Each structure stands twice: as structure tokens, then as C-alpha cells.
Amino acid sequence: MALFSEGQTGSDAPRSRRDRRVRTGWIFLGVAIVIGLLLGMAPAPYVIEQPGPVFNTLGTAEHEGEERPLIEIPDETTYPTEGELNLLTVSVVGNRETRPGWFEVLSAWANPQKAVLPLDAVFPANVSTEDREQANQAAMVNSQQDAIAAALVELDYDFPRRIIVKSLTPDSASTGQIEVGDEIVAVNGTEVHAVADLRTAIAENGTETPASVTVTRDGQTFDAQITPGTVGEVAVLGVNVAMEYELPIDVQIQLDNVGGPSAGMMFALGIIDKLTPGALTGGEVWAGTGTIDSAGNVGPIGGIQQKMFGAQGEGADWFLAPQANCGEVVGHVPDGLTVFAVETLEQALTAVETVSAGGDTSELPSCSLSASAP
């Protein structure tokens, strides 16, 4: 009795079955690869933050198609500068209309120079891309004015700095006593010349007793007795305010297509360098970031890790970081970069001047685990 048909040996049947299994395996692998590629290219609900362009506040930038000094002070005596005082930016890959794919997101997760952020955190659903860009541009313009004011205050110029009420919050503690357009002059007898001063004064007053808020309206000054409310655990008046200045000199800052308030401190340093004899940096290459108000208070910013890598890429040796960002700095400083933590413009100036003079930098404040603790 024949067990196999003609031309087929006993070993051929198992091999045929193995061949079919191999072919089937390759088909499944191919399908899996195709599915993986399709999923990898599918839009992810994230955007990617990475180092953006770097601008030397002592140098030039393109403005309306031509290179112009980033900071110009046309009617005042200015002095030669050396080195660099670089402001830093971050670029965002993706938006609600064009989101990065999963492959791009996974690659960014593995790259210490990049950060992966939820789409809604950067582009809220109720805010259009155009509205966001306009808000960022407005923040940049305001930060430039604050930086000019901070630099001139540091240089002992005397000029009006007014805190103007722009709106009241819902259920504001100030309803009926403070109006839009009012100038807040003092709290409990102490004059306030910056938003940070106002916040500090209200926080110190607390919510148990009324604060005596001195207000000027239509040329008349009076004291309003207001018991602050709270936002979280913070005492607040329930007003939105903005600064208005009567600047004593003309300072022009030319920087296109950059938004946000984080360049304030570096603008202020650049203005001071141009208005004072001698090169502030001593030829060193500095970079830094931080908001600033007219009282010289330096505030936190976003994307500081990406900005440190941006500074390293531009050859900076020294970096000024807001003290409030130290928690994001510790353990993430790129090789070759020395970071100093600052809370005020005066501290930033001290750091730059110490390095310029070849002084002892060991006593300058830096970010540490203890310094970054809340």
C-alpha cells in the first residue's frame, strides 16, 4: 500500500507545513508592521517643546527685513559692549491643526533636549491659535516695557510707575469700592510700584482684617477698606491690574516673531550694559531667562530645560535661571554650563559682574535640591 503519492517523500509533508507556517508568520509580521506604521504616523494628543532661536540682546536681529540693533537708545549716551547676553526661546512642534505623530512623540520622549506636553496644556480647546499668538505677542510687549522700567529703576531714574485696574474678577472682594481705571497707590500706608509689591502687601495683610487700599480716581485720592478674598490659600483683592509707565528716556527693542514674557530679565541686563561705561560681561557669553517687573523681581518661566540646551548650543558658559525654576534645573544642566539662581535683577547683575571681574563665584546662589524644594 502506498503511503505517499508519486513524487512526494516522507519528509516533504512536514516541510510543506513548515513553509506554510513561515509564510503565514511573514504575512502576520507584514500586517503588524503596516498597522504599526499607520499608528506611528497617526496624530498624537501631544505637542513637542524644543530649543528655539537664541538672540543676543547686545547684538542685532532682523526687523522688517533688515538687521537692526536689538536694543536701541537713540537719544542717550551709550557705551560699547562685549560678549553676549542671550535671551532664549522654545519652539513648539504641533498645534491643534497639525499634531505630531506617535513616532515623533516617542522619539522626543527619549531626547533630553525635548519635552512632550499634552496638547490641551499648550493649546486649550477654547483658545484659537490666533488668539494664543496675539496673547503671547502682547505679553512680549508688556515684558519689554517692564524690562525698560526695571533697568531704569536699577540705574536710579525717577519716573511714575502706576498700577492700573483693568478689570474685576467675579465675586471680587473689591466690588463697589474699586473700579476699572483706578490707580492703586498704596496698601496699609506703604506705596506699591509693581504688581509683585501689591501681591506681597495683600498677602501680608491676610484675609482676617480689612486692608487700607489707597486709590486714585479722576484726580482724587481716597482710602478703601477692603477685606481680601482668597484664591486657593492666597489673599487677593479680586482685581486684574497692569503697569503703566512714563518712561524718562526712549528705549526701543526690536524683536519680531517672538512672544511671551520670559525675556524680561535679559532685556533689562542688555539695557543696563548699553547705558553704563565698561563691558558688563567682560567678554563672556551669558544666557538666561526670567520674567521681570519694574521693581526688579525675577519670575519663573516655562521650558527652562530646553532653554538650557539652547544656551549650550550657542556656546554659552554661564546661565541665569529664576530661583523659582530650580526644581526643573537640578539634574538637567547640560555639560559645560554653569547655572546661577536669581530672584532679582540685582542678583543677576552681581553674578555677571563677579564672573566678569574673575571673582569668586562659589558664594553666588545656585540651584540645589534644598533650594528647589517647595
Protein backbone atom coordinates (compact mmCIF):
# COMPACT_ATOMS: atom_id res chain seq x y z
CA MET A 1 0.00 0.00 0.00
CA ALA A 2 1.43 3.37 -1.00
CA LEU A 3 1.55 5.91 1.84
CA PHE A 4 2.53 8.87 -0.41
CA SER A 5 1.56 9.98 -3.86
CA GLU A 6 4.09 9.80 -6.62
CA GLY A 7 6.94 12.27 -6.29
CA GLN A 8 6.35 13.01 -2.58
CA THR A 9 8.65 11.70 0.06
CA GLY A 10 8.03 11.33 3.76
CA SER A 11 9.99 14.45 4.59
CA ASP A 12 8.14 16.71 2.12
CA ALA A 13 4.84 16.99 4.05
CA PRO A 14 6.35 18.39 7.27
CA ARG A 15 8.47 20.80 5.22
CA SER A 16 5.38 21.97 3.36
CA ARG A 17 3.59 22.58 6.62
CA ARG A 18 6.63 24.46 7.94
CA ASP A 19 6.74 26.57 4.77
CA ARG A 20 3.08 27.46 5.16
CA ARG A 21 3.64 28.44 8.80
CA VAL A 22 6.61 30.59 7.81
CA ARG A 23 4.63 32.29 5.06
CA THR A 24 1.74 32.86 7.45
CA GLY A 25 4.16 34.29 10.04
CA TRP A 26 5.63 36.70 7.50
CA ILE A 27 2.14 37.78 6.46
CA PHE A 28 1.19 38.49 10.07
CA LEU A 29 4.50 40.33 10.61
CA GLY A 30 3.91 42.41 7.50
CA VAL A 31 0.39 43.27 8.62
CA ALA A 32 1.70 44.17 12.09
CA ILE A 33 4.38 46.42 10.57
CA VAL A 34 1.82 48.18 8.38
CA ILE A 35 -0.50 48.66 11.36
CA GLY A 36 2.43 49.91 13.43
CA LEU A 37 3.45 52.37 10.73
CA LEU A 38 -0.10 53.64 10.43
CA LEU A 39 -0.41 54.03 14.21
CA GLY A 40 3.03 55.63 14.43
CA MET A 41 2.06 58.24 11.89
CA ALA A 42 -1.35 58.84 13.47
CA PRO A 43 -1.69 62.24 15.19
CA ALA A 44 -0.94 62.10 18.92
CA PRO A 45 -2.67 64.25 21.57
CA TYR A 46 0.67 65.88 22.40
CA VAL A 47 2.98 68.63 21.18
CA ILE A 48 6.77 68.78 21.42
CA GLU A 49 8.72 71.60 23.04
CA GLN A 50 12.34 72.04 21.91
CA PRO A 51 15.08 74.70 21.94
CA GLY A 52 14.21 77.68 19.76
CA PRO A 53 16.16 80.60 18.32
CA VAL A 54 18.64 82.45 20.55
CA PHE A 55 19.04 86.25 20.39
CA ASN A 56 21.91 88.33 21.77
CA THR A 57 20.41 91.42 23.40
CA LEU A 58 23.71 93.21 22.74
CA GLY A 59 23.62 92.32 19.06
CA THR A 60 21.26 92.66 16.13
CA ALA A 61 18.08 90.98 14.97
CA GLU A 62 16.10 91.11 11.77
CA HIS A 63 13.34 93.69 11.92
CA GLU A 64 11.08 94.38 8.93
CA GLY A 65 13.57 92.78 6.58
CA GLU A 66 16.75 94.45 7.81
CA GLU A 67 19.27 93.86 10.58
CA ARG A 68 18.79 96.30 13.45
CA PRO A 69 20.27 96.53 16.94
CA LEU A 70 18.01 94.51 19.18
CA ILE A 71 18.16 97.33 21.75
CA GLU A 72 18.45 100.95 20.61
CA ILE A 73 18.60 104.02 22.86
CA PRO A 74 18.74 106.81 20.29
CA ASP A 75 18.80 109.96 22.43
CA GLU A 76 21.15 108.87 25.21
CA THR A 77 24.87 108.26 25.51
CA THR A 78 25.55 104.55 25.10
CA TYR A 79 28.76 102.60 25.57
CA PRO A 80 30.50 99.75 23.70
CA THR A 81 29.65 96.24 24.86
CA GLU A 82 31.44 92.90 24.66
CA GLY A 83 30.45 89.27 24.92
CA GLU A 84 26.83 88.19 24.77
CA LEU A 85 23.69 88.42 26.89
CA ASN A 86 21.49 85.87 25.15
CA LEU A 87 17.75 85.55 25.56
CA LEU A 88 16.31 82.14 24.85
CA THR A 89 13.16 80.81 23.26
CA VAL A 90 11.43 77.48 22.80
CA SER A 91 9.76 76.18 19.68
CA VAL A 92 6.60 74.10 19.78
CA VAL A 93 6.16 71.33 17.22
CA GLY A 94 2.48 70.80 16.55
CA ASN A 95 -0.81 72.53 17.26
CA ARG A 96 -4.49 71.67 17.12
CA GLU A 97 -4.49 71.77 13.34
CA THR A 98 -1.25 69.81 12.82
CA ARG A 99 -0.30 67.32 15.52
CA PRO A 100 2.94 65.31 15.61
CA GLY A 101 2.73 61.54 15.02
CA TRP A 102 3.40 58.91 17.67
CA PHE A 103 6.84 58.07 16.24
CA GLU A 104 7.86 61.71 16.59
CA VAL A 105 6.44 61.87 20.12
CA LEU A 106 8.22 58.68 21.23
CA SER A 107 11.48 59.98 19.79
CA ALA A 108 11.05 63.25 21.70
CA TRP A 109 10.37 61.38 24.96
CA ALA A 110 13.79 59.78 24.63
CA ASN A 111 15.54 63.10 23.89
CA PRO A 112 16.57 65.16 26.96
CA GLN A 113 16.56 68.32 24.85
CA LYS A 114 12.84 67.98 24.17
CA ALA A 115 9.68 67.86 26.25
CA VAL A 116 6.38 66.19 25.40
CA LEU A 117 3.36 68.15 26.62
CA PRO A 118 -0.37 67.44 26.45
CA LEU A 119 -1.97 69.29 23.56
CA ASP A 120 -4.63 70.85 25.81
CA ALA A 121 -1.97 72.26 28.16
CA VAL A 122 -0.39 74.30 25.36
CA PHE A 123 -3.36 74.86 23.07
CA PRO A 124 -6.55 74.97 25.19
CA ALA A 125 -9.62 73.88 23.27
CA ASN A 126 -11.41 77.20 23.84
CA VAL A 127 -8.47 79.34 22.61
CA SER A 128 -7.67 79.61 18.91
CA THR A 129 -4.08 79.54 17.65
CA GLU A 130 -4.51 83.14 16.50
CA ASP A 131 -5.74 84.25 19.94
CA ARG A 132 -2.84 82.45 21.60
CA GLU A 133 -0.30 84.14 19.34
CA GLN A 134 -1.86 87.54 19.99
CA ALA A 135 -1.75 86.96 23.74
CA ASN A 136 1.91 85.91 23.55
CA GLN A 137 2.77 88.96 21.49
CA ALA A 138 1.01 91.22 23.99
CA ALA A 139 2.94 89.54 26.81
CA MET A 140 6.20 90.22 24.95
CA VAL A 141 5.36 93.92 24.50
CA ASN A 142 4.44 94.25 28.19
CA SER A 143 7.61 92.44 29.25
CA GLN A 144 9.72 94.84 27.18
CA GLN A 145 8.15 97.81 28.96
CA ASP A 146 8.67 96.13 32.34
CA ALA A 147 12.30 95.41 31.42
CA ILE A 148 12.94 99.01 30.42
CA ALA A 149 11.38 100.21 33.66
CA ALA A 150 13.36 97.70 35.75
CA ALA A 151 16.65 98.74 34.12
CA LEU A 152 15.96 102.44 34.65
CA VAL A 153 14.92 101.90 38.27
CA GLU A 154 18.18 99.99 38.82
CA LEU A 155 20.05 102.95 37.29
CA ASP A 156 18.27 105.36 39.69
CA TYR A 157 16.00 107.07 37.19
CA ASP A 158 12.91 108.52 38.85
CA PHE A 159 9.63 108.26 36.92
CA PRO A 160 5.95 107.45 37.52
CA ARG A 161 5.05 103.76 37.75
CA ARG A 162 1.34 103.19 38.08
CA ILE A 163 -0.70 100.09 38.89
CA ILE A 164 -3.95 100.43 36.94
CA VAL A 165 -7.05 98.29 37.47
CA LYS A 166 -8.14 96.69 34.18
CA SER A 167 -10.99 94.51 35.42
CA LEU A 168 -12.56 92.95 38.50
CA THR A 169 -12.88 89.21 38.93
CA PRO A 170 -16.27 87.56 39.51
CA ASP A 171 -17.31 87.91 43.17
CA SER A 172 -14.42 90.33 43.72
CA ALA A 173 -13.75 91.49 47.25
CA SER A 174 -13.28 94.98 45.76
CA THR A 175 -16.72 95.27 44.16
CA GLY A 176 -18.27 98.65 44.96
CA GLN A 177 -15.00 100.16 46.13
CA ILE A 178 -12.52 99.80 43.27
CA GLU A 179 -13.41 100.50 39.65
CA VAL A 180 -11.80 99.83 36.28
CA GLY A 181 -9.29 102.62 35.57
CA ASP A 182 -8.44 103.23 39.23
CA GLU A 183 -4.78 103.56 40.21
CA ILE A 184 -3.75 101.59 43.29
CA VAL A 185 -1.21 103.75 45.09
CA ALA A 186 -0.57 102.09 48.44
CA VAL A 187 -1.62 99.31 50.81
CA ASN A 188 -1.75 99.98 54.54
CA GLY A 189 0.24 103.17 54.04
CA THR A 190 3.08 101.57 52.04
CA GLU A 191 3.42 102.69 48.44
CA VAL A 192 3.33 99.99 45.76
CA HIS A 193 5.08 100.48 42.41
CA ALA A 194 4.92 96.99 40.92
CA VAL A 195 2.39 94.18 40.72
CA ALA A 196 4.62 91.99 42.92
CA ASP A 197 4.62 94.74 45.58
CA LEU A 198 0.82 94.77 45.56
CA ARG A 199 0.58 90.99 45.82
CA THR A 200 3.06 90.90 48.70
CA ALA A 201 1.26 93.66 50.59
CA ILE A 202 -2.12 91.92 50.29
CA ALA A 203 -0.61 88.56 51.28
CA GLU A 204 0.94 90.15 54.37
CA ASN A 205 -2.40 91.73 55.30
CA GLY A 206 -4.19 88.40 55.07
CA THR A 207 -7.92 87.78 54.97
CA GLU A 208 -8.85 88.33 58.62
CA THR A 209 -8.76 92.13 58.65
CA PRO A 210 -9.53 94.84 56.09
CA ALA A 211 -6.65 96.29 54.09
CA SER A 212 -6.47 100.06 53.68
CA VAL A 213 -6.04 100.42 49.91
CA THR A 214 -5.14 103.90 48.70
CA VAL A 215 -6.75 104.58 45.33
CA THR A 216 -6.61 107.50 42.88
CA ARG A 217 -9.68 108.05 40.67
CA ASP A 218 -10.30 111.08 38.44
CA GLY A 219 -7.60 113.03 40.26
CA GLN A 220 -9.00 112.27 43.70
CA THR A 221 -7.20 110.03 46.20
CA PHE A 222 -9.01 108.09 48.92
CA ASP A 223 -8.59 105.01 51.12
CA ALA A 224 -10.84 102.00 50.55
CA GLN A 225 -11.22 99.45 53.34
CA ILE A 226 -11.27 96.04 51.65
CA THR A 227 -11.12 92.62 53.28
CA PRO A 228 -9.22 90.43 50.77
CA GLY A 229 -10.74 87.25 49.45
CA THR A 230 -8.82 84.12 48.57
CA VAL A 231 -7.75 82.15 45.53
CA GLY A 232 -6.65 78.82 46.92
CA GLU A 233 -4.75 79.91 50.03
CA VAL A 234 -3.62 83.26 48.59
CA ALA A 235 -5.16 86.55 49.74
CA VAL A 236 -6.33 88.66 46.79
CA LEU A 237 -8.19 91.91 46.12
CA GLY A 238 -10.01 90.35 43.18
CA VAL A 239 -8.69 92.81 40.59
CA ASN A 240 -6.72 92.38 37.38
CA VAL A 241 -4.09 95.08 37.00
CA ALA A 242 -1.45 96.27 34.55
CA MET A 243 1.52 98.60 34.80
CA GLU A 244 1.69 101.99 33.11
CA TYR A 245 4.94 103.95 32.91
CA GLU A 246 6.04 107.45 31.98
CA LEU A 247 9.50 106.45 30.84
CA PRO A 248 12.08 109.26 31.04
CA ILE A 249 14.10 108.10 28.01
CA ASP A 250 13.33 106.39 24.71
CA VAL A 251 14.40 102.74 24.64
CA GLN A 252 13.48 100.74 21.54
CA ILE A 253 13.50 96.94 21.46
CA GLN A 254 13.26 95.32 18.02
CA LEU A 255 12.40 91.62 18.06
CA ASP A 256 9.97 90.08 15.61
CA ASN A 257 8.04 86.81 15.80
CA VAL A 258 8.84 86.09 19.44
CA GLY A 259 6.14 86.02 22.11
CA GLY A 260 5.79 85.62 25.85
CA PRO A 261 7.25 87.44 28.86
CA SER A 262 10.30 85.29 29.62
CA ALA A 263 12.94 87.57 28.05
CA GLY A 264 12.39 90.40 30.52
CA MET A 265 15.46 89.89 32.69
CA MET A 266 17.85 89.62 29.73
CA PHE A 267 16.38 92.75 28.12
CA ALA A 268 16.98 94.64 31.37
CA LEU A 269 20.61 93.46 31.56
CA GLY A 270 21.21 94.48 27.95
CA ILE A 271 19.79 97.97 28.56
CA ILE A 272 21.95 98.44 31.65
CA ASP A 273 25.05 97.31 29.75
CA LYS A 274 24.44 99.83 26.97
CA LEU A 275 23.77 102.72 29.38
CA THR A 276 26.79 102.18 31.65
CA PRO A 277 30.53 102.55 30.93
CA GLY A 278 32.54 99.35 30.60
CA ALA A 279 31.53 95.98 29.24
CA LEU A 280 29.24 94.32 31.78
CA THR A 281 30.10 90.78 30.65
CA GLY A 282 33.84 91.27 30.31
CA GLY A 283 33.57 89.40 27.01
CA GLU A 284 31.90 86.31 28.49
CA VAL A 285 28.99 84.54 26.80
CA TRP A 286 25.90 84.54 29.01
CA ALA A 287 22.39 83.26 28.52
CA GLY A 288 19.38 83.45 30.75
CA THR A 289 15.65 83.63 31.15
CA GLY A 290 13.07 85.02 33.53
CA THR A 291 10.21 87.46 33.71
CA ILE A 292 10.80 90.79 35.41
CA ASP A 293 8.76 93.59 36.90
CA SER A 294 9.68 97.24 37.40
CA ALA A 295 10.86 96.51 40.94
CA GLY A 296 13.42 94.05 39.53
CA ASN A 297 11.73 90.86 40.74
CA VAL A 298 12.63 87.88 38.52
CA GLY A 299 9.84 85.36 37.99
CA PRO A 300 9.57 81.76 36.71
CA ILE A 301 9.14 80.75 33.09
CA GLY A 302 8.33 77.63 31.07
CA GLY A 303 10.64 75.37 29.09
CA ILE A 304 13.76 76.05 31.13
CA GLN A 305 15.36 72.67 30.37
CA GLN A 306 15.01 73.27 26.63
CA LYS A 307 16.38 76.79 27.09
CA MET A 308 19.48 75.47 28.88
CA PHE A 309 20.19 73.19 25.93
CA GLY A 310 19.61 76.13 23.61
CA ALA A 311 22.19 78.12 25.59
CA GLN A 312 24.69 75.27 25.42
CA GLY A 313 24.18 75.02 21.66
CA GLU A 314 25.07 78.70 21.26
CA GLY A 315 28.29 78.34 23.22
CA ALA A 316 27.18 79.97 26.48
CA ASP A 317 29.26 79.17 29.56
CA TRP A 318 27.06 80.91 32.12
CA PHE A 319 23.30 80.77 32.67
CA LEU A 320 20.90 82.84 34.80
CA ALA A 321 17.82 80.91 35.95
CA PRO A 322 14.91 82.12 38.08
CA GLN A 323 15.14 80.74 41.59
CA ALA A 324 11.54 79.57 41.25
CA ASN A 325 12.56 77.24 38.40
CA CYS A 326 15.30 75.45 40.36
CA GLY A 327 13.18 72.30 40.71
CA GLU A 328 13.37 71.88 36.92
CA VAL A 329 17.06 72.78 36.74
CA VAL A 330 18.57 70.34 39.25
CA GLY A 331 19.78 67.20 37.49
CA HIS A 332 19.20 68.60 33.99
CA VAL A 333 22.07 71.05 33.45
CA PRO A 334 23.91 70.34 30.17
CA ASP A 335 27.65 69.71 30.31
CA GLY A 336 29.77 72.84 30.30
CA LEU A 337 27.04 75.18 31.55
CA THR A 338 27.22 76.87 34.96
CA VAL A 339 23.83 77.95 36.31
CA PHE A 340 23.19 80.68 38.86
CA ALA A 341 19.79 81.09 40.54
CA VAL A 342 18.44 84.63 40.84
CA GLU A 343 15.35 86.24 42.33
CA THR A 344 16.14 89.86 41.46
CA LEU A 345 17.80 91.92 38.77
CA GLU A 346 20.37 93.00 41.35
CA GLN A 347 21.38 89.36 41.94
CA ALA A 348 21.67 88.82 38.19
CA LEU A 349 23.93 91.86 37.88
CA THR A 350 26.06 90.64 40.78
CA ALA A 351 26.56 87.27 39.10
CA VAL A 352 27.56 88.79 35.75
CA GLU A 353 29.88 91.34 37.34
CA THR A 354 31.54 88.72 39.55
CA VAL A 355 32.35 86.48 36.59
CA SER A 356 33.48 89.48 34.52
CA ALA A 357 35.90 90.52 37.26
CA GLY A 358 37.23 86.98 37.70
CA GLY A 359 35.85 86.90 41.23
CA ASP A 360 34.84 84.04 43.49
CA THR A 361 31.61 82.53 42.17
CA SER A 362 31.27 79.93 44.92
CA GLU A 363 29.18 82.29 47.04
CA LEU A 364 26.72 83.08 44.26
CA PRO A 365 23.33 81.39 44.66
CA SER A 366 22.85 78.27 42.57
CA CYS A 367 20.14 75.66 42.17
CA SER A 368 20.33 72.71 44.57
CA LEU A 369 17.94 70.08 45.85
CA SER A 370 17.39 72.09 49.02
CA ALA A 371 16.97 75.35 47.11
CA SER A 372 14.43 73.79 44.77
CA ALA A 373 12.24 72.30 47.49
CA PRO A 374 8.80 73.96 47.74
